[in-house]
C-alpha atoms as a PDB file:
ATOM      1  CA  MET A   1      58.717 -24.125  38.527  1.00  0.00           C
ATOM      2  CA  GLN A   2      55.088 -24.628  39.482  1.00  0.00           C
ATOM      3  CA  GLY A   3      55.518 -22.742  42.772  1.00  0.00           C
ATOM      4  CA  LEU A   4      56.769 -19.593  41.034  1.00  0.00           C
ATOM      5  CA  GLU A   5      53.275 -18.416  40.171  1.00  0.00           C
ATOM      6  CA  LYS A   6      53.108 -17.196  43.800  1.00  0.00           C
ATOM      7  CA  ALA A   7      54.709 -13.877  44.720  1.00  0.00           C
ATOM      8  CA  ARG A   8      56.004 -15.225  48.038  1.00  0.00           C
ATOM      9  CA  GLN A   9      57.883 -18.036  46.302  1.00  0.00           C
ATOM     10  CA  ARG A  10      59.304 -15.692  43.692  1.00  0.00           C
ATOM     11  CA  LYS A  11      60.576 -13.413  46.429  1.00  0.00           C
ATOM     12  CA  GLN A  12      62.005 -16.198  48.594  1.00  0.00           C
ATOM     13  CA  LEU A  13      63.776 -17.950  45.729  1.00  0.00           C
ATOM     14  CA  GLY A  14      64.683 -14.849  43.741  1.00  0.00           C
ATOM     15  CA  LEU A  15      63.376 -16.489  40.594  1.00  0.00           C
ATOM     16  CA  THR A  16      60.576 -16.028  38.102  1.00  0.00           C
ATOM     17  CA  VAL A  17      59.232 -17.834  35.055  1.00  0.00           C
ATOM     18  CA  VAL A  18      59.412 -16.314  31.580  1.00  0.00           C
ATOM     19  CA  GLU A  19      57.197 -17.762  28.857  1.00  0.00           C
ATOM     20  CA  GLY A  20      57.061 -16.800  25.207  1.00  0.00           C
ATOM     21  CA  ALA A  21      59.758 -16.276  22.606  1.00  0.00           C
ATOM     22  CA  LYS A  22      59.469 -12.463  22.619  1.00  0.00           C
ATOM     23  CA  GLU A  23      59.565 -12.268  26.416  1.00  0.00           C
ATOM     24  CA  ILE A  24      62.635 -14.516  26.565  1.00  0.00           C
ATOM     25  CA  GLU A  25      64.313 -12.410  23.862  1.00  0.00           C
ATOM     26  CA  MET A  26      63.722  -9.326  26.019  1.00  0.00           C
ATOM     27  CA  ALA A  27      65.097 -11.091  29.097  1.00  0.00           C
ATOM     28  CA  LEU A  28      68.255 -11.800  27.079  1.00  0.00           C
ATOM     29  CA  GLU A  29      68.310  -8.174  25.900  1.00  0.00           C
ATOM     30  CA  GLY A  30      68.012  -7.005  29.503  1.00  0.00           C
ATOM     31  CA  GLY A  31      70.931  -9.147  30.647  1.00  0.00           C
ATOM     32  CA  MET A  32      68.891 -11.340  32.976  1.00  0.00           C
ATOM     33  CA  GLN A  33      70.634 -14.365  34.465  1.00  0.00           C
ATOM     34  CA  PHE A  34      69.066 -17.598  33.218  1.00  0.00           C
ATOM     35  CA  GLU A  35      68.877 -20.436  35.742  1.00  0.00           C
ATOM     36  CA  SER A  36      67.344 -23.061  33.434  1.00  0.00           C
ATOM     37  CA  TYR A  37      65.165 -23.407  30.380  1.00  0.00           C
ATOM     38  CA  TYR A  38      62.859 -26.009  28.905  1.00  0.00           C
ATOM     39  CA  TYR A  39      61.839 -26.488  25.297  1.00  0.00           C
ATOM     40  CA  VAL A  40      60.073 -28.678  22.780  1.00  0.00           C
ATOM     41  CA  PRO A  41      62.522 -29.235  19.873  1.00  0.00           C
ATOM     42  CA  ASP A  42      59.835 -29.405  17.185  1.00  0.00           C
ATOM     43  CA  ILE A  43      58.179 -26.146  18.311  1.00  0.00           C
ATOM     44  CA  ALA A  44      60.893 -23.898  19.721  1.00  0.00           C
ATOM     45  CA  ASP A  45      62.470 -21.255  17.510  1.00  0.00           C
ATOM     46  CA  GLN A  46      65.969 -22.497  16.692  1.00  0.00           C
ATOM     47  CA  SER A  47      67.483 -19.009  16.511  1.00  0.00           C
ATOM     48  CA  LEU A  48      66.309 -18.333  20.067  1.00  0.00           C
ATOM     49  CA  LEU A  49      67.739 -21.651  21.264  1.00  0.00           C
ATOM     50  CA  ASP A  50      71.035 -20.798  19.573  1.00  0.00           C
ATOM     51  CA  LYS A  51      71.164 -17.517  21.491  1.00  0.00           C
ATOM     52  CA  LEU A  52      70.496 -19.322  24.771  1.00  0.00           C
ATOM     53  CA  PHE A  53      73.123 -21.992  24.024  1.00  0.00           C
ATOM     54  CA  SER A  54      75.645 -19.316  23.078  1.00  0.00           C
ATOM     55  CA  ARG A  55      74.974 -16.896  25.941  1.00  0.00           C
ATOM     56  CA  TYR A  56      74.583 -19.487  28.691  1.00  0.00           C
ATOM     57  CA  PRO A  57      76.457 -22.656  27.640  1.00  0.00           C
ATOM     58  CA  GLN A  58      76.535 -23.983  31.218  1.00  0.00           C
ATOM     59  CA  CYS A  59      72.860 -23.269  31.948  1.00  0.00           C
ATOM     60  CA  PRO A  60      70.814 -26.442  32.608  1.00  0.00           C
ATOM     61  CA  HIS A  61      68.338 -27.041  29.793  1.00  0.00           C
ATOM     62  CA  TYR A  62      65.871 -29.801  29.145  1.00  0.00           C
ATOM     63  CA  THR A  63      63.974 -31.097  26.143  1.00  0.00           C
ATOM     64  CA  LEU A  64      60.353 -31.978  26.852  1.00  0.00           C
ATOM     65  CA  SER A  65      57.482 -33.626  25.077  1.00  0.00           C
ATOM     66  CA  GLU A  66      54.557 -31.419  24.101  1.00  0.00           C
ATOM     67  CA  ASP A  67      52.362 -33.055  26.754  1.00  0.00           C
ATOM     68  CA  VAL A  68      54.815 -32.454  29.599  1.00  0.00           C
ATOM     69  CA  PHE A  69      55.540 -28.931  28.357  1.00  0.00           C
ATOM     70  CA  ALA A  70      51.807 -28.112  28.313  1.00  0.00           C
ATOM     71  CA  LYS A  71      51.548 -29.118  31.985  1.00  0.00           C
ATOM     72  CA  LEU A  72      54.399 -26.788  32.952  1.00  0.00           C
ATOM     73  CA  SER A  73      53.283 -23.728  30.994  1.00  0.00           C
ATOM     74  CA  TYR A  74      50.705 -21.209  32.191  1.00  0.00           C
ATOM     75  CA  ARG A  75      49.879 -20.021  28.703  1.00  0.00           C
ATOM     76  CA  GLU A  76      48.490 -21.849  25.717  1.00  0.00           C
ATOM     77  CA  SER A  77      51.010 -20.348  23.308  1.00  0.00           C
ATOM     78  CA  THR A  78      54.595 -19.975  24.539  1.00  0.00           C
ATOM     79  CA  GLY A  79      56.640 -20.594  21.418  1.00  0.00           C
ATOM     80  CA  GLY A  80      57.823 -23.888  22.840  1.00  0.00           C
ATOM     81  CA  VAL A  81      60.267 -22.376  25.343  1.00  0.00           C
ATOM     82  CA  ILE A  82      59.981 -21.606  29.060  1.00  0.00           C
ATOM     83  CA  ALA A  83      62.834 -20.114  31.082  1.00  0.00           C
ATOM     84  CA  VAL A  84      63.521 -19.577  34.764  1.00  0.00           C
ATOM     85  CA  VAL A  85      65.521 -16.398  35.427  1.00  0.00           C
ATOM     86  CA  LYS A  86      66.925 -14.727  38.496  1.00  0.00           C
ATOM     87  CA  THR A  87      65.051 -11.646  39.621  1.00  0.00           C
ATOM     88  CA  LYS A  88      66.903  -8.474  40.515  1.00  0.00           C
ATOM     89  CA  PRO A  89      66.285  -5.542  42.850  1.00  0.00           C
ATOM     90  CA  PHE A  90      64.989  -2.336  41.336  1.00  0.00           C
ATOM     91  CA  ILE A  91      66.714   0.307  43.458  1.00  0.00           C
ATOM     92  CA  ILE A  92      65.720   3.917  42.894  1.00  0.00           C
ATOM     93  CA  ASN A  93      69.212   5.294  43.468  1.00  0.00           C
ATOM     94  CA  ALA A  94      70.432   3.106  40.594  1.00  0.00           C
ATOM     95  CA  LEU A  95      68.344   5.093  38.107  1.00  0.00           C
ATOM     96  CA  LYS A  96      70.364   7.315  35.808  1.00  0.00           C
ATOM     97  CA  PRO A  97      68.055   9.990  34.367  1.00  0.00           C
ATOM     98  CA  GLY A  98      69.139  11.936  31.316  1.00  0.00           C
ATOM     99  CA  PRO A  99      69.594  15.708  31.209  1.00  0.00           C
ATOM    100  CA  VAL A 100      65.864  16.360  30.671  1.00  0.00           C
ATOM    101  CA  PRO A 101      64.222  13.225  32.062  1.00  0.00           C
ATOM    102  CA  LEU A 102      60.673  12.077  31.490  1.00  0.00           C
ATOM    103  CA  VAL A 103      59.513   9.667  34.206  1.00  0.00           C
ATOM    104  CA  LEU A 104      56.329   7.721  34.854  1.00  0.00           C
ATOM    105  CA  VAL A 105      55.393   7.180  38.510  1.00  0.00           C
ATOM    106  CA  ILE A 106      52.857   4.415  39.180  1.00  0.00           C
ATOM    107  CA  GLU A 107      51.304   4.439  42.631  1.00  0.00           C
ATOM    108  CA  GLY A 108      49.679   1.315  44.059  1.00  0.00           C
ATOM    109  CA  VAL A 109      48.410  -0.197  40.805  1.00  0.00           C
ATOM    110  CA  GLU A 110      46.845  -3.550  41.608  1.00  0.00           C
ATOM    111  CA  LYS A 111      46.266  -5.248  38.243  1.00  0.00           C
ATOM    112  CA  PRO A 112      49.356  -6.877  36.710  1.00  0.00           C
ATOM    113  CA  GLY A 113      47.952  -6.367  33.210  1.00  0.00           C
ATOM    114  CA  ASN A 114      47.767  -2.611  33.704  1.00  0.00           C
ATOM    115  CA  LEU A 115      51.292  -2.450  35.083  1.00  0.00           C
ATOM    116  CA  GLY A 116      52.567  -4.488  32.150  1.00  0.00           C
ATOM    117  CA  ALA A 117      50.743  -2.297  29.649  1.00  0.00           C
ATOM    118  CA  MET A 118      52.303   0.829  31.147  1.00  0.00           C
ATOM    119  CA  LEU A 119      55.786  -0.691  30.946  1.00  0.00           C
ATOM    120  CA  ARG A 120      55.124  -1.433  27.284  1.00  0.00           C
ATOM    121  CA  THR A 121      54.108   2.201  26.736  1.00  0.00           C
ATOM    122  CA  ALA A 122      57.199   3.368  28.624  1.00  0.00           C
ATOM    123  CA  ASP A 123      59.303   1.357  26.204  1.00  0.00           C
ATOM    124  CA  ALA A 124      57.421   2.727  23.188  1.00  0.00           C
ATOM    125  CA  CYS A 125      57.979   6.287  24.411  1.00  0.00           C
ATOM    126  CA  ALA A 126      61.611   5.595  25.389  1.00  0.00           C
ATOM    127  CA  ILE A 127      61.163   7.428  28.677  1.00  0.00           C
ATOM    128  CA  ASP A 128      63.962   7.629  31.226  1.00  0.00           C
ATOM    129  CA  ALA A 129      62.412   5.591  34.027  1.00  0.00           C
ATOM    130  CA  VAL A 130      59.347   4.038  35.585  1.00  0.00           C
ATOM    131  CA  ILE A 131      59.008   4.317  39.360  1.00  0.00           C
ATOM    132  CA  VAL A 132      56.553   1.854  40.899  1.00  0.00           C
ATOM    133  CA  CYS A 133      55.425   2.936  44.368  1.00  0.00           C
ATOM    134  CA  ASP A 134      53.623   0.985  47.087  1.00  0.00           C
ATOM    135  CA  LEU A 135      53.018  -1.983  44.788  1.00  0.00           C
ATOM    136  CA  PRO A 136      50.615  -4.590  46.261  1.00  0.00           C
ATOM    137  CA  GLY A 137      52.174  -7.388  44.163  1.00  0.00           C
ATOM    138  CA  ASP A 138      55.508  -7.638  42.386  1.00  0.00           C
ATOM    139  CA  VAL A 139      56.866  -6.644  39.001  1.00  0.00           C
ATOM    140  CA  PHE A 140      57.949 -10.205  38.199  1.00  0.00           C
ATOM    141  CA  ASN A 141      54.406 -11.520  38.206  1.00  0.00           C
ATOM    142  CA  PRO A 142      54.088 -13.677  35.030  1.00  0.00           C
ATOM    143  CA  ASN A 143      51.089 -11.551  34.003  1.00  0.00           C
ATOM    144  CA  VAL A 144      53.224  -8.395  34.218  1.00  0.00           C
ATOM    145  CA  ILE A 145      55.905 -10.060  32.107  1.00  0.00           C
ATOM    146  CA  ARG A 146      53.348 -11.146  29.523  1.00  0.00           C
ATOM    147  CA  ALA A 147      51.443  -7.836  29.378  1.00  0.00           C
ATOM    148  CA  SER A 148      54.697  -5.884  29.103  1.00  0.00           C
ATOM    149  CA  LEU A 149      55.945  -8.184  26.302  1.00  0.00           C
ATOM    150  CA  GLY A 150      59.103  -8.581  28.356  1.00  0.00           C
ATOM    151  CA  THR A 151      59.887  -4.868  28.598  1.00  0.00           C
ATOM    152  CA  VAL A 152      59.938  -5.314  32.384  1.00  0.00           C
ATOM    153  CA  PHE A 153      63.475  -6.604  31.733  1.00  0.00           C
ATOM    154  CA  THR A 154      64.644  -3.640  29.649  1.00  0.00           C
ATOM    155  CA  VAL A 155      62.862  -0.483  30.843  1.00  0.00           C
ATOM    156  CA  PRO A 156      64.700   1.334  33.686  1.00  0.00           C
ATOM    157  CA  ILE A 157      62.525   0.593  36.730  1.00  0.00           C
ATOM    158  CA  ALA A 158      62.597   1.390  40.431  1.00  0.00           C
ATOM    159  CA  VAL A 159      60.322  -0.183  43.040  1.00  0.00           C
ATOM    160  CA  CYS A 160      60.052   1.803  46.253  1.00  0.00           C
ATOM    161  CA  SER A 161      57.796   3.656  48.668  1.00  0.00           C
ATOM    162  CA  SER A 162      56.125   6.918  47.736  1.00  0.00           C
ATOM    163  CA  ASP A 163      58.356   8.764  50.207  1.00  0.00           C
ATOM    164  CA  GLU A 164      61.490   7.414  48.507  1.00  0.00           C
ATOM    165  CA  ALA A 165      60.128   8.364  45.089  1.00  0.00           C
ATOM    166  CA  MET A 166      59.285  11.905  46.192  1.00  0.00           C
ATOM    167  CA  ARG A 167      62.725  12.370  47.696  1.00  0.00           C
ATOM    168  CA  TRP A 168      64.402  11.166  44.466  1.00  0.00           C
ATOM    169  CA  LEU A 169      62.258  13.458  42.314  1.00  0.00           C
ATOM    170  CA  LYS A 170      63.154  16.448  44.489  1.00  0.00           C
ATOM    171  CA  GLU A 171      66.855  15.595  44.462  1.00  0.00           C
ATOM    172  CA  ASN A 172      66.798  15.436  40.676  1.00  0.00           C
ATOM    173  CA  ASN A 173      64.739  18.632  40.272  1.00  0.00           C
ATOM    174  CA  ILE A 174      61.976  16.852  38.389  1.00  0.00           C
ATOM    175  CA  LYS A 175      58.630  18.607  38.173  1.00  0.00           C
ATOM    176  CA  THR A 176      55.676  16.398  39.091  1.00  0.00           C
ATOM    177  CA  TYR A 177      52.300  16.254  37.339  1.00  0.00           C
ATOM    178  CA  CYS A 178      49.643  14.164  39.081  1.00  0.00           C
ATOM    179  CA  SER A 179      46.599  12.846  37.262  1.00  0.00           C
ATOM    180  CA  ASN A 180      43.637  14.069  39.271  1.00  0.00           C
ATOM    181  CA  LEU A 181      40.081  14.864  38.258  1.00  0.00           C
ATOM    182  CA  HIS A 182      39.630  17.609  40.838  1.00  0.00           C
ATOM    183  CA  GLN A 183      41.098  21.106  40.845  1.00  0.00           C
ATOM    184  CA  ALA A 184      43.293  20.174  37.890  1.00  0.00           C
ATOM    185  CA  ASN A 185      44.244  21.728  34.588  1.00  0.00           C
ATOM    186  CA  ASP A 186      43.748  19.874  31.292  1.00  0.00           C
ATOM    187  CA  TYR A 187      46.884  17.808  30.721  1.00  0.00           C
ATOM    188  CA  PHE A 188      47.578  19.263  27.248  1.00  0.00           C
ATOM    189  CA  LYS A 189      47.688  22.824  28.601  1.00  0.00           C
ATOM    190  CA  GLU A 190      50.840  22.095  30.611  1.00  0.00           C
ATOM    191  CA  SER A 191      54.406  22.022  29.344  1.00  0.00           C
ATOM    192  CA  TYR A 192      56.515  18.885  29.841  1.00  0.00           C
ATOM    193  CA  LYS A 193      59.647  20.169  28.139  1.00  0.00           C
ATOM    194  CA  GLU A 194      61.521  20.462  31.438  1.00  0.00           C
ATOM    195  CA  PRO A 195      62.414  17.427  33.616  1.00  0.00           C
ATOM    196  CA  SER A 196      58.969  15.936  34.276  1.00  0.00           C
ATOM    197  CA  ALA A 197      57.282  13.074  36.089  1.00  0.00           C
ATOM    198  CA  ILE A 198      53.725  11.994  35.338  1.00  0.00           C
ATOM    199  CA  VAL A 199      52.028  10.244  38.256  1.00  0.00           C
ATOM    200  CA  VAL A 200      49.113   7.828  37.951  1.00  0.00           C
ATOM    201  CA  GLY A 201      47.325   5.950  40.711  1.00  0.00           C
ATOM    202  CA  THR A 202      45.226   2.922  41.507  1.00  0.00           C
ATOM    203  CA  GLU A 203      42.420   1.749  39.269  1.00  0.00           C
ATOM    204  CA  ALA A 204      39.785   2.194  41.977  1.00  0.00           C
ATOM    205  CA  THR A 205      40.700   5.392  43.811  1.00  0.00           C
ATOM    206  CA  GLY A 206      43.394   7.130  41.777  1.00  0.00           C
ATOM    207  CA  ILE A 207      46.189   9.181  43.305  1.00  0.00           C
ATOM    208  CA  THR A 208      46.444   9.471  47.091  1.00  0.00           C
ATOM    209  CA  ASP A 209      46.339  12.838  48.858  1.00  0.00           C
ATOM    210  CA  LYS A 210      50.066  12.536  49.596  1.00  0.00           C
ATOM    211  CA  TRP A 211      50.918  12.763  45.908  1.00  0.00           C
ATOM    212  CA  ILE A 212      48.273  15.407  45.178  1.00  0.00           C
ATOM    213  CA  GLN A 213      49.813  17.659  47.830  1.00  0.00           C
ATOM    214  CA  PHE A 214      53.347  16.895  46.646  1.00  0.00           C
ATOM    215  CA  ALA A 215      52.658  17.620  42.978  1.00  0.00           C
ATOM    216  CA  ASP A 216      53.802  20.768  41.275  1.00  0.00           C
ATOM    217  CA  LYS A 217      50.674  20.542  39.126  1.00  0.00           C
ATOM    218  CA  ASN A 218      47.551  18.393  39.051  1.00  0.00           C
ATOM    219  CA  VAL A 219      46.334  17.522  35.565  1.00  0.00           C
ATOM    220  CA  LYS A 220      43.326  15.767  34.112  1.00  0.00           C
ATOM    221  CA  ILE A 221      42.208  14.157  30.884  1.00  0.00           C
ATOM    222  CA  PRO A 222      38.845  15.678  29.895  1.00  0.00           C
ATOM    223  CA  MET A 223      36.049  13.123  30.158  1.00  0.00           C
ATOM    224  CA  LEU A 224      33.391  13.942  27.572  1.00  0.00           C
ATOM    225  CA  GLY A 225      31.074  10.979  28.052  1.00  0.00           C
ATOM    226  CA  LYS A 226      28.979   9.701  30.923  1.00  0.00           C
ATOM    227  CA  ILE A 227      31.759   8.177  33.053  1.00  0.00           C
ATOM    228  CA  ASP A 228      34.455  10.062  34.937  1.00  0.00           C
ATOM    229  CA  SER A 229      37.471   7.772  34.555  1.00  0.00           C
ATOM    230  CA  MET A 230      39.400   5.580  32.132  1.00  0.00           C
ATOM    231  CA  ASN A 231      41.798   2.672  32.356  1.00  0.00           C
ATOM    232  CA  VAL A 232      44.978   3.788  34.112  1.00  0.00           C
ATOM    233  CA  SER A 233      47.251   2.376  31.414  1.00  0.00           C
ATOM    234  CA  VAL A 234      45.341   4.313  28.748  1.00  0.00           C
ATOM    235  CA  ALA A 235      45.572   7.515  30.795  1.00  0.00           C
ATOM    236  CA  ALA A 236      49.314   7.061  31.258  1.00  0.00           C
ATOM    237  CA  ALA A 237      49.802   6.507  27.524  1.00  0.00           C
ATOM    238  CA  ILE A 238      47.847   9.626  26.592  1.00  0.00           C
ATOM    239  CA  MET A 239      49.886  11.857  28.896  1.00  0.00           C
ATOM    240  CA  LEU A 240      53.264  10.337  28.063  1.00  0.00           C
ATOM    241  CA  TYR A 241      52.698  10.774  24.352  1.00  0.00           C
ATOM    242  CA  GLU A 242      51.641  14.379  24.870  1.00  0.00           C
ATOM    243  CA  ALA A 243      54.914  14.976  26.706  1.00  0.00           C
ATOM    244  CA  LYS A 244      56.862  13.334  23.865  1.00  0.00           C
ATOM    245  CA  ARG A 245      54.890  15.308  21.251  1.00  0.00           C
ATOM    246  CA  GLN A 246      55.886  18.561  22.903  1.00  0.00           C
ATOM    247  CA  ARG A 247      59.528  17.513  23.027  1.00  0.00           C
ATOM    248  CA  PHE A 248      59.574  16.567  19.341  1.00  0.00           C
ATOM    249  CA  LYS A 249      58.675  20.119  18.296  1.00  0.00           C
END
């Protein structure tokens, strides 16, 4: 289990670690295959253990002392349960958008916490899909799992290149709105009532020229203070909720 904090090991073994009662609940909700789990009887939530026993009766499981458990866990508070689950591929052609899809495209985001936060927002907004392009790390990073509160297991996700994402968006007739500070319209002046994809970029440099040229529209969030940017997860949330607001009318 200790080696699974490294992306290379996660990829080679096809496994990742899930810590925290809520995150494990979401892994169950998402139908993830559990390889093993470890718990402290006096700490672990019995209802969660009952679900694990019921769903995976043949899955190896081990009771641990608090001291041993603390050495295995990355986090200080895990609810007394740690699980190892099989990872799965996130193939773009497996996405099934609805009749008027709303999609978030995330290009090259480096910080796992930001990626996790955007997955959590995607869940809150109940959007059709999240497409993660040109990702430096991997979506099964324990920090992504934690920051997403386990929604990485339940939100429809694809991981692919930008070229693959653009091709899929074109094939599905989805209009693309790229967040861009230059030569862009204010985001709230656009309509997202048709099939729409909102694209956000890296924390340091934003969207690449490839996406800016591909976009149907470039949009910006007005910056009224002294700085010219905001956290990418905050920007994504603002634009997604504007799209949902328009659709609720």
